[in-house]
Amino acid sequence: MVIPKKTFHDIVKNTPLISIDLIITDPNGFCLLGKRNNRPAKGFMFVPGGRIFKGEKIIAAFDRILISEVGYKVTDHDKISFQGVYEHFYEDSYHDIKTSTHYVVLAYRLEVVKKFNEVLDRQHEKFEWVSVGNLLSRTDVHDNVKSYFGENNS
C-alpha cells in the first residue's frame, strides 16, 4: 500500500516508525555498509535497512529490504540471528531538515557464507565491506551503526 506523501509526513512527524536493519557480515568479520543518499543520516555509511509496511510480516520485510537494497537473497548456508531492539533518533527526516524521525529498529545479523556482488540502489552512493575495527574508528560511519558493535549501545 502506498501512503500519500502528506499522510506519511504526518506519520513521521507524530509517531515512531518500525524498521529492520541488516547487519550483513562475511566469514572474515567484514560488514557491508552503504553511503546514504537520503535523509536521515545522509552522507553517512550505514547498514542496509528499511521500514516494515503495515500488514507485512517481519520475515517478508527482511527479504524485501535485502533484495531491494543490496540485491541479495538468503541461502540455506547463511545464518540469520536477531541482535536486538534499538532506537534511532534523528533531527531530520526524508521530508525535510525540520521534521525529526524516530525509529524503533529490529536489528538482524546476516552472516553470509561469502561476500557477494551487491547491487547499487537509489538510496546508496556506494557499498563497502568494512572490518569491525575500521568501522568503529571511522568518522563517516554513523554512531547508530557503531552501537551494533558495542559502541554507544542503545
N, C-alpha and C. Protein backbone atom coordinates (compact mmCIF):
# COMPACT_ATOMS: atom_id res chain seq x y z
N MET A 1 0.83 -1.18 0.00
CA MET A 1 0.00 0.00 0.00
C MET A 1 0.88 1.25 0.00
N VAL A 2 0.66 2.13 -0.90
CA VAL A 2 1.40 3.38 -0.98
C VAL A 2 0.68 4.43 -0.14
N ILE A 3 1.43 5.03 0.78
CA ILE A 3 0.87 6.07 1.64
C ILE A 3 1.10 7.42 0.97
N PRO A 4 0.05 8.25 0.85
CA PRO A 4 0.25 9.58 0.26
C PRO A 4 1.34 10.35 1.02
N LYS A 5 2.11 11.15 0.30
CA LYS A 5 3.26 11.86 0.85
C LYS A 5 2.90 12.67 2.10
N LYS A 6 1.81 13.43 2.04
CA LYS A 6 1.39 14.27 3.18
C LYS A 6 1.04 13.40 4.37
N THR A 7 0.34 12.31 4.15
CA THR A 7 -0.02 11.41 5.24
C THR A 7 1.22 10.81 5.87
N PHE A 8 2.18 10.37 5.03
CA PHE A 8 3.40 9.78 5.56
C PHE A 8 4.21 10.81 6.34
N HIS A 9 4.25 12.05 5.86
CA HIS A 9 4.93 13.11 6.60
C HIS A 9 4.31 13.28 7.98
N ASP A 10 2.99 13.26 8.06
CA ASP A 10 2.31 13.37 9.36
C ASP A 10 2.64 12.18 10.26
N ILE A 11 2.74 11.01 9.69
CA ILE A 11 3.10 9.82 10.47
C ILE A 11 4.50 9.99 11.04
N VAL A 12 5.47 10.37 10.20
CA VAL A 12 6.85 10.56 10.65
C VAL A 12 6.92 11.64 11.72
N LYS A 13 6.15 12.68 11.55
CA LYS A 13 6.15 13.81 12.48
C LYS A 13 5.59 13.42 13.85
N ASN A 14 4.65 12.47 13.88
CA ASN A 14 3.90 12.20 15.11
C ASN A 14 4.08 10.82 15.72
N THR A 15 4.71 9.89 15.03
CA THR A 15 4.83 8.53 15.56
C THR A 15 6.20 7.94 15.24
N PRO A 16 6.61 6.94 16.01
CA PRO A 16 7.83 6.22 15.63
C PRO A 16 7.55 5.28 14.46
N LEU A 17 8.58 5.02 13.68
CA LEU A 17 8.49 4.04 12.59
C LEU A 17 9.16 2.75 13.05
N ILE A 18 8.63 1.62 12.64
CA ILE A 18 9.24 0.34 12.95
C ILE A 18 10.03 -0.09 11.72
N SER A 19 11.30 -0.42 11.94
CA SER A 19 12.15 -0.76 10.81
C SER A 19 13.04 -1.96 11.14
N ILE A 20 13.72 -2.42 10.10
CA ILE A 20 14.68 -3.51 10.22
C ILE A 20 16.01 -2.99 9.71
N ASP A 21 17.08 -3.25 10.47
CA ASP A 21 18.43 -3.01 9.98
C ASP A 21 19.09 -4.36 9.78
N LEU A 22 19.85 -4.47 8.70
CA LEU A 22 20.51 -5.72 8.33
C LEU A 22 22.02 -5.57 8.52
N ILE A 23 22.53 -6.24 9.52
CA ILE A 23 23.96 -6.22 9.81
C ILE A 23 24.55 -7.42 9.06
N ILE A 24 25.00 -7.17 7.84
CA ILE A 24 25.47 -8.25 6.96
C ILE A 24 26.98 -8.39 7.13
N THR A 25 27.41 -9.59 7.56
CA THR A 25 28.83 -9.83 7.76
C THR A 25 29.27 -11.05 6.96
N ASP A 26 30.55 -11.03 6.58
CA ASP A 26 31.14 -12.16 5.86
C ASP A 26 31.95 -13.02 6.85
N PRO A 27 32.47 -14.16 6.42
CA PRO A 27 33.21 -15.04 7.34
C PRO A 27 34.46 -14.41 7.96
N ASN A 28 34.98 -13.35 7.35
CA ASN A 28 36.17 -12.68 7.89
C ASN A 28 35.82 -11.52 8.82
N GLY A 29 34.53 -11.35 9.11
CA GLY A 29 34.12 -10.30 10.02
C GLY A 29 33.98 -8.93 9.41
N PHE A 30 33.92 -8.85 8.09
CA PHE A 30 33.69 -7.57 7.43
C PHE A 30 32.18 -7.34 7.34
N CYS A 31 31.78 -6.09 7.48
CA CYS A 31 30.36 -5.72 7.47
C CYS A 31 30.08 -4.87 6.23
N LEU A 32 28.94 -5.13 5.60
CA LEU A 32 28.55 -4.35 4.42
C LEU A 32 27.88 -3.05 4.84
N LEU A 33 28.45 -1.94 4.38
CA LEU A 33 27.90 -0.61 4.65
C LEU A 33 27.66 0.11 3.34
N GLY A 34 26.64 0.96 3.33
CA GLY A 34 26.35 1.78 2.17
C GLY A 34 26.36 3.25 2.55
N LYS A 35 26.87 4.09 1.65
CA LYS A 35 26.84 5.53 1.88
C LYS A 35 25.47 6.05 1.47
N ARG A 36 24.75 6.62 2.45
CA ARG A 36 23.37 7.03 2.24
C ARG A 36 23.24 8.29 1.38
N ASN A 37 22.31 8.23 0.44
CA ASN A 37 21.98 9.38 -0.40
C ASN A 37 20.86 10.23 0.21
N ASN A 38 20.08 9.63 1.11
CA ASN A 38 18.87 10.28 1.61
C ASN A 38 18.97 10.60 3.10
N ARG A 39 18.16 11.59 3.52
CA ARG A 39 17.98 11.85 4.95
C ARG A 39 17.06 10.75 5.49
N PRO A 40 17.12 10.46 6.78
CA PRO A 40 18.14 10.91 7.72
C PRO A 40 19.43 10.13 7.52
N ALA A 41 20.48 10.61 8.15
CA ALA A 41 21.82 10.01 8.08
C ALA A 41 22.44 10.14 6.68
N LYS A 42 22.00 11.12 5.93
CA LYS A 42 22.55 11.35 4.59
C LYS A 42 24.05 11.59 4.67
N GLY A 43 24.79 10.92 3.77
CA GLY A 43 26.23 11.09 3.71
C GLY A 43 27.01 10.15 4.61
N PHE A 44 26.32 9.46 5.51
CA PHE A 44 26.98 8.51 6.41
C PHE A 44 26.97 7.11 5.83
N MET A 45 27.94 6.32 6.25
CA MET A 45 27.94 4.89 5.96
C MET A 45 27.00 4.23 6.96
N PHE A 46 26.12 3.37 6.45
CA PHE A 46 25.08 2.78 7.29
C PHE A 46 24.79 1.37 6.79
N VAL A 47 24.27 0.54 7.66
CA VAL A 47 23.85 -0.80 7.23
C VAL A 47 22.57 -0.68 6.42
N PRO A 48 22.30 -1.64 5.53
CA PRO A 48 21.03 -1.63 4.80
C PRO A 48 19.86 -1.77 5.79
N GLY A 49 18.75 -1.18 5.44
CA GLY A 49 17.59 -1.28 6.31
C GLY A 49 16.40 -0.56 5.72
N GLY A 50 15.28 -0.70 6.38
CA GLY A 50 14.07 -0.04 5.91
C GLY A 50 12.91 -0.33 6.83
N ARG A 51 11.84 0.40 6.61
CA ARG A 51 10.68 0.24 7.48
C ARG A 51 9.85 -0.98 7.09
N ILE A 52 9.10 -1.44 8.06
CA ILE A 52 8.17 -2.54 7.85
C ILE A 52 6.83 -1.93 7.45
N PHE A 53 6.22 -2.45 6.41
CA PHE A 53 4.93 -1.95 5.95
C PHE A 53 3.80 -2.56 6.77
N LYS A 54 2.71 -1.83 6.90
CA LYS A 54 1.53 -2.36 7.59
C LYS A 54 1.06 -3.64 6.88
N GLY A 55 0.83 -4.68 7.68
CA GLY A 55 0.36 -5.95 7.14
C GLY A 55 1.48 -6.84 6.63
N GLU A 56 2.72 -6.36 6.68
CA GLU A 56 3.86 -7.13 6.19
C GLU A 56 4.50 -7.89 7.36
N LYS A 57 4.69 -9.17 7.20
CA LYS A 57 5.36 -9.96 8.23
C LYS A 57 6.84 -9.58 8.26
N ILE A 58 7.46 -9.73 9.42
CA ILE A 58 8.85 -9.32 9.59
C ILE A 58 9.77 -10.04 8.61
N ILE A 59 9.61 -11.34 8.43
CA ILE A 59 10.48 -12.08 7.52
C ILE A 59 10.30 -11.61 6.08
N ALA A 60 9.08 -11.24 5.71
CA ALA A 60 8.84 -10.72 4.36
C ALA A 60 9.53 -9.36 4.20
N ALA A 61 9.48 -8.51 5.24
CA ALA A 61 10.17 -7.22 5.19
C ALA A 61 11.68 -7.42 5.10
N PHE A 62 12.19 -8.37 5.87
CA PHE A 62 13.62 -8.70 5.85
C PHE A 62 14.04 -9.06 4.42
N ASP A 63 13.33 -9.99 3.80
CA ASP A 63 13.65 -10.42 2.44
C ASP A 63 13.53 -9.28 1.43
N ARG A 64 12.46 -8.49 1.54
CA ARG A 64 12.23 -7.38 0.62
C ARG A 64 13.36 -6.35 0.72
N ILE A 65 13.72 -5.99 1.93
CA ILE A 65 14.76 -4.98 2.14
C ILE A 65 16.10 -5.50 1.62
N LEU A 66 16.41 -6.75 1.92
CA LEU A 66 17.68 -7.34 1.48
C LEU A 66 17.80 -7.35 -0.04
N ILE A 67 16.74 -7.76 -0.70
CA ILE A 67 16.76 -7.81 -2.17
C ILE A 67 16.76 -6.41 -2.78
N SER A 68 15.90 -5.52 -2.26
CA SER A 68 15.78 -4.20 -2.88
C SER A 68 16.99 -3.31 -2.60
N GLU A 69 17.64 -3.46 -1.44
CA GLU A 69 18.75 -2.57 -1.12
C GLU A 69 20.10 -3.07 -1.58
N VAL A 70 20.31 -4.39 -1.59
CA VAL A 70 21.64 -4.89 -2.00
C VAL A 70 21.58 -5.97 -3.07
N GLY A 71 20.37 -6.42 -3.43
CA GLY A 71 20.24 -7.41 -4.50
C GLY A 71 20.64 -8.82 -4.08
N TYR A 72 20.49 -9.13 -2.80
CA TYR A 72 20.90 -10.45 -2.31
C TYR A 72 19.70 -11.22 -1.78
N LYS A 73 19.73 -12.54 -1.99
CA LYS A 73 18.69 -13.43 -1.46
C LYS A 73 19.38 -14.42 -0.53
N VAL A 74 18.82 -14.62 0.65
CA VAL A 74 19.39 -15.52 1.66
C VAL A 74 19.47 -16.94 1.10
N THR A 75 20.61 -17.61 1.40
CA THR A 75 20.79 -19.00 1.00
C THR A 75 20.63 -19.89 2.23
N ASP A 76 20.55 -21.20 2.01
CA ASP A 76 20.44 -22.16 3.11
C ASP A 76 21.68 -22.18 3.99
N HIS A 77 22.80 -21.68 3.49
CA HIS A 77 24.06 -21.71 4.23
C HIS A 77 24.30 -20.45 5.05
N ASP A 78 23.52 -19.41 4.81
CA ASP A 78 23.65 -18.18 5.58
C ASP A 78 23.02 -18.36 6.96
N LYS A 79 23.47 -17.55 7.90
CA LYS A 79 22.95 -17.62 9.26
C LYS A 79 22.31 -16.29 9.63
N ILE A 80 21.05 -16.34 10.07
CA ILE A 80 20.32 -15.14 10.50
C ILE A 80 20.12 -15.23 12.00
N SER A 81 20.41 -14.13 12.70
CA SER A 81 20.15 -14.08 14.14
C SER A 81 19.62 -12.69 14.50
N PHE A 82 18.74 -12.67 15.48
CA PHE A 82 18.17 -11.42 15.96
C PHE A 82 19.16 -10.79 16.93
N GLN A 83 19.54 -9.54 16.69
CA GLN A 83 20.53 -8.88 17.54
C GLN A 83 19.87 -8.07 18.65
N GLY A 84 18.68 -7.54 18.40
CA GLY A 84 18.01 -6.78 19.45
C GLY A 84 17.19 -5.63 18.90
N VAL A 85 16.58 -4.90 19.84
CA VAL A 85 15.76 -3.74 19.51
C VAL A 85 16.55 -2.49 19.88
N TYR A 86 16.59 -1.56 18.97
CA TYR A 86 17.33 -0.31 19.15
C TYR A 86 16.39 0.85 18.83
N GLU A 87 16.74 2.04 19.32
CA GLU A 87 16.01 3.25 18.97
C GLU A 87 16.98 4.21 18.29
N HIS A 88 16.54 4.77 17.18
CA HIS A 88 17.33 5.75 16.45
C HIS A 88 16.53 7.05 16.39
N PHE A 89 17.17 8.13 16.79
CA PHE A 89 16.54 9.45 16.76
C PHE A 89 17.35 10.36 15.84
N TYR A 90 16.65 11.04 14.95
CA TYR A 90 17.29 11.97 14.02
C TYR A 90 16.58 13.31 14.08
N GLU A 91 17.32 14.38 13.90
CA GLU A 91 16.72 15.72 13.91
C GLU A 91 16.03 16.04 12.59
N ASP A 92 16.34 15.26 11.54
CA ASP A 92 15.73 15.50 10.23
C ASP A 92 14.96 14.25 9.79
N SER A 93 14.38 14.35 8.59
CA SER A 93 13.63 13.22 8.04
C SER A 93 13.80 13.22 6.53
N TYR A 94 13.26 12.19 5.90
CA TYR A 94 13.29 12.12 4.44
C TYR A 94 12.64 13.36 3.84
N HIS A 95 11.68 13.93 4.56
CA HIS A 95 10.85 15.03 4.05
C HIS A 95 11.58 16.37 4.07
N ASP A 96 12.22 16.69 5.21
CA ASP A 96 12.88 17.98 5.35
C ASP A 96 13.84 17.95 6.54
N ILE A 97 14.54 19.07 6.75
CA ILE A 97 15.51 19.12 7.84
C ILE A 97 14.87 19.54 9.17
N LYS A 98 13.59 19.89 9.16
CA LYS A 98 12.90 20.36 10.36
C LYS A 98 12.10 19.27 11.06
N THR A 99 11.73 18.22 10.34
CA THR A 99 10.90 17.15 10.92
C THR A 99 11.82 16.05 11.43
N SER A 100 11.72 15.77 12.72
CA SER A 100 12.56 14.72 13.30
C SER A 100 11.99 13.34 12.96
N THR A 101 12.86 12.33 13.09
CA THR A 101 12.45 10.94 12.83
C THR A 101 12.84 10.09 14.03
N HIS A 102 11.93 9.20 14.40
CA HIS A 102 12.16 8.25 15.50
C HIS A 102 11.89 6.85 14.94
N TYR A 103 12.93 6.01 14.98
CA TYR A 103 12.78 4.62 14.54
C TYR A 103 12.89 3.68 15.73
N VAL A 104 12.05 2.68 15.76
CA VAL A 104 12.23 1.51 16.62
C VAL A 104 12.75 0.44 15.66
N VAL A 105 14.01 0.03 15.89
CA VAL A 105 14.71 -0.80 14.92
C VAL A 105 14.87 -2.23 15.44
N LEU A 106 14.45 -3.18 14.60
CA LEU A 106 14.72 -4.59 14.86
C LEU A 106 15.99 -4.91 14.09
N ALA A 107 17.08 -5.16 14.81
CA ALA A 107 18.37 -5.39 14.17
C ALA A 107 18.61 -6.89 14.02
N TYR A 108 18.91 -7.29 12.79
CA TYR A 108 19.21 -8.69 12.48
C TYR A 108 20.61 -8.78 11.90
N ARG A 109 21.34 -9.81 12.34
CA ARG A 109 22.65 -10.08 11.76
C ARG A 109 22.47 -11.19 10.74
N LEU A 110 23.01 -10.95 9.56
CA LEU A 110 23.01 -11.95 8.49
C LEU A 110 24.46 -12.28 8.19
N GLU A 111 24.88 -13.49 8.57
CA GLU A 111 26.23 -13.95 8.28
C GLU A 111 26.19 -14.74 6.98
N VAL A 112 26.76 -14.13 5.94
CA VAL A 112 26.75 -14.78 4.63
C VAL A 112 27.99 -15.67 4.52
N VAL A 113 27.88 -16.73 3.71
CA VAL A 113 29.00 -17.66 3.59
C VAL A 113 30.17 -17.07 2.80
N LYS A 114 29.87 -16.09 1.96
CA LYS A 114 30.94 -15.38 1.25
C LYS A 114 30.40 -14.03 0.78
N LYS A 115 31.33 -13.11 0.56
CA LYS A 115 30.93 -11.80 0.05
C LYS A 115 30.22 -11.98 -1.27
N PHE A 116 29.32 -11.08 -1.56
CA PHE A 116 28.57 -11.13 -2.82
C PHE A 116 28.71 -9.79 -3.51
N ASN A 117 28.37 -9.76 -4.78
CA ASN A 117 28.39 -8.51 -5.53
C ASN A 117 27.07 -7.79 -5.31
N GLU A 118 27.12 -6.79 -4.46
CA GLU A 118 25.91 -6.05 -4.14
C GLU A 118 25.45 -5.22 -5.34
N VAL A 119 24.16 -4.99 -5.41
CA VAL A 119 23.56 -4.20 -6.48
C VAL A 119 23.21 -2.83 -5.89
N LEU A 120 23.76 -1.79 -6.49
CA LEU A 120 23.52 -0.43 -6.00
C LEU A 120 22.08 -0.02 -6.26
N ASP A 121 21.46 0.60 -5.26
CA ASP A 121 20.10 1.10 -5.40
C ASP A 121 20.10 2.62 -5.34
N ARG A 122 18.92 3.24 -5.40
CA ARG A 122 18.81 4.70 -5.38
C ARG A 122 19.19 5.31 -4.03
N GLN A 123 19.14 4.51 -2.99
CA GLN A 123 19.38 5.03 -1.64
C GLN A 123 20.85 5.14 -1.27
N HIS A 124 21.72 4.50 -2.07
CA HIS A 124 23.14 4.45 -1.71
C HIS A 124 24.03 4.93 -2.85
N GLU A 125 25.05 5.69 -2.48
CA GLU A 125 26.04 6.16 -3.45
C GLU A 125 27.05 5.04 -3.75
N LYS A 126 27.38 4.26 -2.71
CA LYS A 126 28.33 3.17 -2.87
C LYS A 126 28.15 2.19 -1.72
N PHE A 127 28.69 0.99 -1.90
CA PHE A 127 28.76 -0.01 -0.84
C PHE A 127 30.22 -0.33 -0.58
N GLU A 128 30.48 -0.76 0.66
CA GLU A 128 31.85 -1.09 1.04
C GLU A 128 31.81 -2.14 2.15
N TRP A 129 32.67 -3.16 2.03
CA TRP A 129 32.83 -4.15 3.09
C TRP A 129 33.92 -3.61 4.02
N VAL A 130 33.58 -3.44 5.30
CA VAL A 130 34.46 -2.77 6.25
C VAL A 130 34.69 -3.68 7.46
N SER A 131 35.96 -3.79 7.91
CA SER A 131 36.23 -4.58 9.11
C SER A 131 35.63 -3.86 10.32
N VAL A 132 35.27 -4.63 11.34
CA VAL A 132 34.64 -4.04 12.51
C VAL A 132 35.57 -3.03 13.18
N GLY A 133 36.86 -3.36 13.29
CA GLY A 133 37.81 -2.41 13.89
C GLY A 133 37.86 -1.10 13.13
N ASN A 134 37.89 -1.18 11.81
CA ASN A 134 37.91 0.02 10.96
C ASN A 134 36.58 0.77 11.07
N LEU A 135 35.50 0.04 11.09
CA LEU A 135 34.17 0.63 11.18
C LEU A 135 34.04 1.49 12.44
N LEU A 136 34.52 0.96 13.58
CA LEU A 136 34.39 1.68 14.85
C LEU A 136 35.23 2.95 14.90
N SER A 137 36.30 3.02 14.13
CA SER A 137 37.18 4.19 14.18
C SER A 137 36.86 5.23 13.10
N ARG A 138 36.03 4.90 12.16
CA ARG A 138 35.75 5.82 11.06
C ARG A 138 34.71 6.86 11.44
N THR A 139 34.96 8.12 11.05
CA THR A 139 34.02 9.20 11.36
C THR A 139 32.85 9.23 10.39
N ASP A 140 32.97 8.56 9.23
CA ASP A 140 31.87 8.56 8.27
C ASP A 140 30.87 7.42 8.53
N VAL A 141 31.14 6.58 9.53
CA VAL A 141 30.19 5.53 9.91
C VAL A 141 29.32 6.09 11.03
N HIS A 142 28.00 6.02 10.84
CA HIS A 142 27.06 6.60 11.79
C HIS A 142 27.15 5.90 13.15
N ASP A 143 26.98 6.69 14.22
CA ASP A 143 27.02 6.13 15.58
C ASP A 143 25.98 5.03 15.80
N ASN A 144 24.83 5.13 15.12
CA ASN A 144 23.82 4.08 15.28
C ASN A 144 24.32 2.74 14.76
N VAL A 145 25.17 2.75 13.75
CA VAL A 145 25.78 1.52 13.25
C VAL A 145 26.81 1.02 14.27
N LYS A 146 27.62 1.92 14.79
CA LYS A 146 28.63 1.53 15.77
C LYS A 146 27.99 0.88 16.99
N SER A 147 26.78 1.30 17.34
CA SER A 147 26.11 0.71 18.51
C SER A 147 25.87 -0.79 18.33
N TYR A 148 25.75 -1.25 17.10
CA TYR A 148 25.56 -2.68 16.86
C TYR A 148 26.81 -3.49 17.19
N PHE A 149 27.94 -2.81 17.30
CA PHE A 149 29.20 -3.47 17.57
C PHE A 149 29.79 -3.10 18.92
N GLY A 150 28.95 -2.55 19.80
CA GLY A 150 29.38 -2.32 21.17
C GLY A 150 29.60 -0.89 21.57
N GLU A 151 29.64 0.05 20.63
CA GLU A 151 29.80 1.46 20.99
C GLU A 151 28.44 2.14 21.03
N ASN A 152 28.28 3.03 21.99
CA ASN A 152 27.05 3.82 22.11
C ASN A 152 25.81 2.92 22.14
N ASN A 153 25.85 1.85 22.89
CA ASN A 153 24.72 0.92 22.92
C ASN A 153 23.43 1.62 23.28
N SER A 154 22.37 1.26 22.56
CA SER A 154 21.05 1.85 22.81
C SER A 154 20.41 1.18 23.99
